[in-house]
C-alpha atoms as a PDB file:
ATOM      1  CA  UNK A   1      40.313  96.268  11.172  1.00  0.00           C
ATOM      2  CA  UNK A   2      38.905  94.862  14.059  1.00  0.00           C
ATOM      3  CA  UNK A   3      35.518  92.960  13.279  1.00  0.00           C
ATOM      4  CA  UNK A   4      32.604  91.863  15.595  1.00  0.00           C
ATOM      5  CA  UNK A   5      32.506  88.351  15.887  1.00  0.00           C
ATOM      6  CA  UNK A   6      28.946  87.668  15.941  1.00  0.00           C
ATOM      7  CA  UNK A   7      27.242  86.565  12.630  1.00  0.00           C
ATOM      8  CA  UNK A   8      24.873  89.714  11.562  1.00  0.00           C
ATOM      9  CA  UNK A   9      21.240  87.147  11.747  1.00  0.00           C
ATOM     10  CA  UNK A  10      22.375  84.589  14.361  1.00  0.00           C
ATOM     11  CA  UNK A  11      22.407  84.675  18.037  1.00  0.00           C
ATOM     12  CA  UNK A  12      25.469  82.431  19.933  1.00  0.00           C
ATOM     13  CA  UNK A  13      23.129  79.289  20.578  1.00  0.00           C
ATOM     14  CA  UNK A  14      22.189  78.896  16.590  1.00  0.00           C
ATOM     15  CA  UNK A  15      23.521  75.801  14.710  1.00  0.00           C
ATOM     16  CA  UNK A  16      22.079  73.657  11.961  1.00  0.00           C
ATOM     17  CA  UNK A  17      22.818  69.919  10.987  1.00  0.00           C
ATOM     18  CA  UNK A  18      25.582  68.928   8.323  1.00  0.00           C
ATOM     19  CA  UNK A  19      22.892  67.285   6.065  1.00  0.00           C
ATOM     20  CA  UNK A  20      22.244  69.126   3.224  1.00  0.00           C
ATOM     21  CA  UNK A  21      19.697  72.112   3.380  1.00  0.00           C
ATOM     22  CA  UNK A  22      16.806  72.360   0.622  1.00  0.00           C
ATOM     23  CA  UNK A  23      15.279  75.458  -0.096  1.00  0.00           C
ATOM     24  CA  UNK A  24      11.682  74.386  -1.018  1.00  0.00           C
ATOM     25  CA  UNK A  25       9.987  78.149  -1.327  1.00  0.00           C
ATOM     26  CA  UNK A  26      12.959  79.344  -3.176  1.00  0.00           C
ATOM     27  CA  UNK A  27      11.612  80.332  -7.147  1.00  0.00           C
ATOM     28  CA  UNK A  28      15.269  80.263  -7.948  1.00  0.00           C
ATOM     29  CA  UNK A  29      14.918  77.004  -7.667  1.00  0.00           C
ATOM     30  CA  UNK A  30      13.179  76.828 -10.627  1.00  0.00           C
ATOM     31  CA  UNK A  31      15.649  78.445 -13.400  1.00  0.00           C
ATOM     32  CA  UNK A  32      19.453  76.900 -12.737  1.00  0.00           C
ATOM     33  CA  UNK A  33      20.900  79.635 -15.109  1.00  0.00           C
ATOM     34  CA  UNK A  34      20.756  81.471 -12.601  1.00  0.00           C
ATOM     35  CA  UNK A  35      23.353  79.054  -9.945  1.00  0.00           C
ATOM     36  CA  UNK A  36      27.437  79.195 -10.724  1.00  0.00           C
ATOM     37  CA  UNK A  37      28.824  76.002 -12.688  1.00  0.00           C
ATOM     38  CA  UNK A  38      30.706  72.970  -9.881  1.00  0.00           C
ATOM     39  CA  UNK A  39      33.892  74.686 -10.446  1.00  0.00           C
ATOM     40  CA  UNK A  40      32.998  78.284  -9.910  1.00  0.00           C
ATOM     41  CA  UNK A  41      30.840  76.330  -6.582  1.00  0.00           C
ATOM     42  CA  UNK A  42      34.037  74.863  -5.495  1.00  0.00           C
ATOM     43  CA  UNK A  43      35.594  77.564  -5.701  1.00  0.00           C
ATOM     44  CA  UNK A  44      33.679  80.228  -3.599  1.00  0.00           C
ATOM     45  CA  UNK A  45      32.665  77.589  -1.010  1.00  0.00           C
ATOM     46  CA  UNK A  46      36.868  76.707  -0.639  1.00  0.00           C
ATOM     47  CA  UNK A  47      37.683  80.816  -0.143  1.00  0.00           C
ATOM     48  CA  UNK A  48      34.111  80.881   2.645  1.00  0.00           C
ATOM     49  CA  UNK A  49      35.748  77.528   4.245  1.00  0.00           C
ATOM     50  CA  UNK A  50      38.809  78.815   5.032  1.00  0.00           C
ATOM     51  CA  UNK A  51      37.311  82.560   5.622  1.00  0.00           C
ATOM     52  CA  UNK A  52      38.098  83.758   9.216  1.00  0.00           C
ATOM     53  CA  UNK A  53      34.596  84.916   8.899  1.00  0.00           C
ATOM     54  CA  UNK A  54      32.815  81.996   8.914  1.00  0.00           C
ATOM     55  CA  UNK A  55      30.298  80.985  12.012  1.00  0.00           C
ATOM     56  CA  UNK A  56      29.251  78.208  13.088  1.00  0.00           C
ATOM     57  CA  UNK A  57      31.318  76.585  10.011  1.00  0.00           C
ATOM     58  CA  UNK A  58      28.053  77.386   7.642  1.00  0.00           C
ATOM     59  CA  UNK A  59      26.937  81.033   8.058  1.00  0.00           C
ATOM     60  CA  UNK A  60      29.152  84.386   6.511  1.00  0.00           C
ATOM     61  CA  UNK A  61      29.223  86.532   9.481  1.00  0.00           C
ATOM     62  CA  UNK A  62      28.933  89.863   6.698  1.00  0.00           C
ATOM     63  CA  UNK A  63      25.515  88.245   5.335  1.00  0.00           C
ATOM     64  CA  UNK A  64      23.691  86.238   7.947  1.00  0.00           C
ATOM     65  CA  UNK A  65      23.670  83.826   4.792  1.00  0.00           C
ATOM     66  CA  UNK A  66      24.541  80.217   4.475  1.00  0.00           C
ATOM     67  CA  UNK A  67      27.111  80.065   2.989  1.00  0.00           C
ATOM     68  CA  UNK A  68      26.689  76.386   0.302  1.00  0.00           C
ATOM     69  CA  UNK A  69      23.773  78.592  -0.670  1.00  0.00           C
ATOM     70  CA  UNK A  70      24.736  82.017  -1.063  1.00  0.00           C
ATOM     71  CA  UNK A  71      27.684  80.622  -3.051  1.00  0.00           C
ATOM     72  CA  UNK A  72      25.824  79.068  -5.433  1.00  0.00           C
ATOM     73  CA  UNK A  73      24.159  82.459  -6.789  1.00  0.00           C
ATOM     74  CA  UNK A  74      25.649  84.029  -9.880  1.00  0.00           C
ATOM     75  CA  UNK A  75      23.925  87.352  -8.580  1.00  0.00           C
ATOM     76  CA  UNK A  76      25.720  87.332  -5.339  1.00  0.00           C
ATOM     77  CA  UNK A  77      29.565  88.315  -4.296  1.00  0.00           C
ATOM     78  CA  UNK A  78      31.434  88.225  -1.206  1.00  0.00           C
ATOM     79  CA  UNK A  79      30.582  90.767   1.744  1.00  0.00           C
ATOM     80  CA  UNK A  80      34.020  91.043   3.359  1.00  0.00           C
ATOM     81  CA  UNK A  81      34.140  94.347   3.903  1.00  0.00           C
ATOM     82  CA  UNK A  82      36.986  96.359   1.868  1.00  0.00           C
ATOM     83  CA  UNK A  83      38.208  93.114   0.386  1.00  0.00           C
ATOM     84  CA  UNK A  84      35.693  90.193  -1.021  1.00  0.00           C
ATOM     85  CA  UNK A  85      37.154  87.239  -1.550  1.00  0.00           C
ATOM     86  CA  UNK A  86      34.802  86.682  -4.659  1.00  0.00           C
ATOM     87  CA  UNK A  87      32.606  88.451  -7.282  1.00  0.00           C
ATOM     88  CA  UNK A  88      29.401  88.073  -8.282  1.00  0.00           C
ATOM     89  CA  UNK A  89      29.439  86.504 -12.108  1.00  0.00           C
ATOM     90  CA  UNK A  90      26.984  89.085 -14.469  1.00  0.00           C
END
Protein backbone atom coordinates (compact mmCIF):
# COMPACT_ATOMS: atom_id res chain seq x y z
CA UNK A 1 0.00 0.00 0.00
CA UNK A 2 1.46 3.36 -1.01
CA UNK A 3 1.18 6.32 1.35
CA UNK A 4 1.29 10.02 0.68
CA UNK A 5 4.19 11.19 2.82
CA UNK A 6 2.61 14.50 3.70
CA UNK A 7 1.02 15.15 7.05
CA UNK A 8 -2.77 15.42 6.98
CA UNK A 9 -2.75 18.89 8.53
CA UNK A 10 0.69 20.33 7.81
CA UNK A 11 2.87 21.72 5.09
CA UNK A 12 6.49 20.77 4.49
CA UNK A 13 7.86 23.81 6.31
CA UNK A 14 6.05 23.29 9.59
CA UNK A 15 8.00 22.49 12.73
CA UNK A 16 7.67 22.87 16.48
CA UNK A 17 10.32 23.03 19.15
CA UNK A 18 11.22 20.03 21.27
CA UNK A 19 9.93 21.87 24.35
CA UNK A 20 6.80 20.34 25.92
CA UNK A 21 3.58 21.63 24.41
CA UNK A 22 1.03 22.89 26.93
CA UNK A 23 -2.64 22.93 25.99
CA UNK A 24 -4.03 25.76 28.12
CA UNK A 25 -7.42 25.94 26.46
CA UNK A 26 -8.26 22.22 26.41
CA UNK A 27 -10.98 21.35 28.95
CA UNK A 28 -9.67 17.77 29.07
CA UNK A 29 -6.79 18.96 31.22
CA UNK A 30 -9.24 19.55 34.04
CA UNK A 31 -10.17 15.82 34.15
CA UNK A 32 -7.13 13.55 34.37
CA UNK A 33 -9.39 10.48 34.14
CA UNK A 34 -9.35 11.09 30.38
CA UNK A 35 -5.63 10.28 30.23
CA UNK A 36 -3.83 6.92 30.13
CA UNK A 37 -1.30 6.04 32.83
CA UNK A 38 2.43 6.59 32.30
CA UNK A 39 3.12 2.96 31.30
CA UNK A 40 0.49 2.99 28.55
CA UNK A 41 1.69 6.41 27.39
CA UNK A 42 5.27 5.15 27.11
CA UNK A 43 4.17 2.06 25.14
CA UNK A 44 2.10 4.19 22.76
CA UNK A 45 4.83 6.77 22.24
CA UNK A 46 7.44 4.08 21.59
CA UNK A 47 5.21 2.74 18.81
CA UNK A 48 4.55 6.23 17.42
CA UNK A 49 8.19 7.29 17.48
CA UNK A 50 9.16 4.19 15.50
CA UNK A 51 6.28 4.45 13.03
CA UNK A 52 6.90 5.14 9.35
CA UNK A 53 4.01 7.63 9.45
CA UNK A 54 5.68 9.97 11.95
CA UNK A 55 6.38 13.37 10.37
CA UNK A 56 8.81 15.99 11.69
CA UNK A 57 9.48 13.75 14.72
CA UNK A 58 6.24 14.94 16.35
CA UNK A 59 3.20 14.57 14.11
CA UNK A 60 1.11 11.65 12.85
CA UNK A 61 0.60 12.04 9.12
CA UNK A 62 -2.75 10.20 9.30
CA UNK A 63 -4.42 12.28 12.03
CA UNK A 64 -2.38 15.48 11.82
CA UNK A 65 -2.11 15.35 15.63
CA UNK A 66 0.95 15.71 17.82
CA UNK A 67 1.62 12.14 18.93
CA UNK A 68 2.72 13.28 22.40
CA UNK A 69 -0.80 14.58 23.06
CA UNK A 70 -2.92 12.05 21.15
CA UNK A 71 -1.16 9.14 22.86
CA UNK A 72 -2.20 10.53 26.27
CA UNK A 73 -5.92 10.34 25.55
CA UNK A 74 -7.81 7.18 26.54
CA UNK A 75 -10.46 7.68 23.88
CA UNK A 76 -7.99 7.90 20.98
CA UNK A 77 -6.52 5.05 18.97
CA UNK A 78 -3.81 4.84 16.38
CA UNK A 79 -5.15 6.04 12.99
CA UNK A 80 -2.73 3.92 10.92
CA UNK A 81 -4.85 2.66 7.98
CA UNK A 82 -5.77 -1.01 8.13
CA UNK A 83 -3.52 -1.94 11.05
CA UNK A 84 -3.63 0.39 14.08
CA UNK A 85 -0.54 0.20 16.28
CA UNK A 86 -2.56 0.77 19.48
CA UNK A 87 -6.22 0.97 20.47
CA UNK A 88 -8.33 3.30 22.57
CA UNK A 89 -9.07 2.33 26.16
CA UNK A 90 -12.74 2.27 27.01
